[in-house]
Amino acid sequence: MYHTESMIQMMEDLQRQASEMEKHVKDMMEAEGRACGIELDKRKNARDLMHQLMEHQANMEHKPEMTWAYVPADMPEYDTQPSEWHDDMHDDMHHQETLMETDMPADGTEHQQ
């Protein structure tokens, strides 16, 4: 069979993409495992990690309620009260911009000290 450079390049690209995908899948399983209270060893192959995670989840008596970021829903303390910090931050930034504009010479060069 005749192999061209482009065929070899495509094969190398596929191998790289498969490796990146495997890393991503393992990262997701690791996050899921931590959310369920198990630490997975990502040095194992993805199928073994999946079986270990599924077995652990099947044996769990109580699955904690989770948020989208795999943080237990009862863990974060959200501030639901309106805050004034946004307005204060905006005022501070406007003040800094005004100072910078008044300190800069009209020709745009820096001050000599």
Protein backbone atom coordinates (compact mmCIF):
# COMPACT_ATOMS: atom_id res chain seq x y z
CA MET A 1 0.00 0.00 0.00
CA TYR A 2 1.23 3.46 -0.89
CA HIS A 3 1.28 6.02 2.02
CA THR A 4 1.50 9.70 1.31
CA GLU A 5 2.62 12.44 3.64
CA SER A 6 -0.97 13.69 3.97
CA MET A 7 -2.19 10.25 5.13
CA ILE A 8 0.51 10.11 7.79
CA GLN A 9 -0.34 13.67 8.87
CA MET A 10 -4.04 12.75 9.17
CA MET A 11 -3.16 9.70 11.27
CA GLU A 12 -0.99 11.79 13.61
CA ASP A 13 -3.76 14.38 13.94
CA LEU A 14 -6.30 11.69 14.84
CA GLN A 15 -3.97 10.23 17.46
CA ARG A 16 -3.43 13.69 18.99
CA GLN A 17 -7.18 14.41 19.02
CA ALA A 18 -7.93 11.03 20.60
CA SER A 19 -5.35 11.70 23.31
CA GLU A 20 -6.84 15.14 24.03
CA MET A 21 -10.34 13.68 24.17
CA GLU A 22 -9.23 10.94 26.57
CA LYS A 23 -7.71 13.58 28.87
CA HIS A 24 -10.92 15.63 28.76
CA VAL A 25 -13.10 12.59 29.55
CA LYS A 26 -10.85 11.62 32.46
CA ASP A 27 -11.02 15.18 33.81
CA MET A 28 -14.83 15.07 33.69
CA MET A 29 -14.93 11.70 35.44
CA GLU A 30 -12.51 12.95 38.08
CA ALA A 31 -14.78 15.95 38.78
CA GLU A 32 -17.84 13.68 38.94
CA GLY A 33 -15.98 11.33 41.28
CA ARG A 34 -14.95 14.14 43.62
CA ALA A 35 -18.55 15.30 43.73
CA CYS A 36 -19.53 11.80 44.85
CA GLY A 37 -16.72 11.53 47.40
CA ILE A 38 -14.23 9.35 45.52
CA GLU A 39 -10.79 10.22 44.21
CA LEU A 40 -10.06 8.57 40.84
CA ASP A 41 -6.54 7.82 39.60
CA LYS A 42 -6.34 9.33 36.11
CA ARG A 43 -3.31 7.16 35.32
CA LYS A 44 -5.78 4.32 34.76
CA ASN A 45 -7.55 3.99 31.44
CA ALA A 46 -10.91 5.71 30.93
CA ARG A 47 -12.94 2.48 30.91
CA ASP A 48 -11.53 1.40 34.30
CA LEU A 49 -12.27 4.85 35.73
CA MET A 50 -15.83 4.65 34.42
CA HIS A 51 -16.38 1.25 36.03
CA GLN A 52 -14.91 2.44 39.34
CA LEU A 53 -17.10 5.55 39.32
CA MET A 54 -20.26 3.63 38.38
CA GLU A 55 -19.62 1.05 41.10
CA HIS A 56 -19.08 3.77 43.70
CA GLN A 57 -22.26 5.60 42.65
CA ALA A 58 -24.29 2.38 42.73
CA ASN A 59 -23.17 1.75 46.33
CA MET A 60 -23.91 5.27 47.55
CA GLU A 61 -26.82 5.47 49.97
CA HIS A 62 -27.44 9.19 49.54
CA LYS A 63 -26.37 11.18 46.52
CA PRO A 64 -25.81 14.83 47.47
CA GLU A 65 -27.80 17.46 45.60
CA MET A 66 -25.43 19.11 43.17
CA THR A 67 -25.19 22.42 41.35
CA TRP A 68 -23.91 22.79 37.78
CA ALA A 69 -20.30 23.17 38.96
CA TYR A 70 -20.18 20.00 41.07
CA VAL A 71 -20.33 21.97 44.29
CA PRO A 72 -22.76 20.62 46.89
CA ALA A 73 -25.85 22.84 46.84
CA ASP A 74 -25.76 23.31 50.62
CA MET A 75 -22.10 24.36 50.59
CA PRO A 76 -21.97 27.83 48.97
CA GLU A 77 -23.37 30.78 50.83
CA TYR A 78 -24.76 33.18 48.26
CA ASP A 79 -25.32 36.82 49.03
CA THR A 80 -28.85 37.46 47.82
CA GLN A 81 -29.07 41.02 49.16
CA PRO A 82 -28.56 43.92 46.71
CA SER A 83 -25.11 45.34 46.93
CA GLU A 84 -23.65 48.80 46.48
CA TRP A 85 -20.14 47.60 45.57
CA HIS A 86 -20.78 47.75 41.82
CA ASP A 87 -21.62 51.46 41.92
CA ASP A 88 -18.66 52.19 44.19
CA MET A 89 -16.31 50.30 41.87
CA HIS A 90 -17.65 52.21 38.85
CA ASP A 91 -17.11 55.54 40.64
CA ASP A 92 -13.53 54.57 41.58
CA MET A 93 -12.72 53.56 37.99
CA HIS A 94 -14.15 56.82 36.63
CA HIS A 95 -12.08 58.78 39.18
CA GLN A 96 -8.89 56.92 38.14
CA GLU A 97 -9.57 57.59 34.44
CA THR A 98 -10.08 61.28 35.18
CA LEU A 99 -6.79 61.41 37.09
CA MET A 100 -4.94 59.67 34.27
CA GLU A 101 -6.35 62.08 31.68
CA THR A 102 -5.39 65.18 33.71
CA ASP A 103 -1.87 63.87 34.42
CA MET A 104 -1.09 63.16 30.76
CA PRO A 105 0.39 65.98 28.63
CA ALA A 106 -1.64 67.10 25.63
CA ASP A 107 0.95 65.67 23.18
CA GLY A 108 0.58 62.14 24.67
CA THR A 109 4.19 61.89 25.92
CA GLU A 110 5.06 60.87 29.47
CA HIS A 111 6.05 63.34 32.19
CA GLN A 112 9.76 63.76 32.86
CA GLN A 113 10.63 63.50 36.58
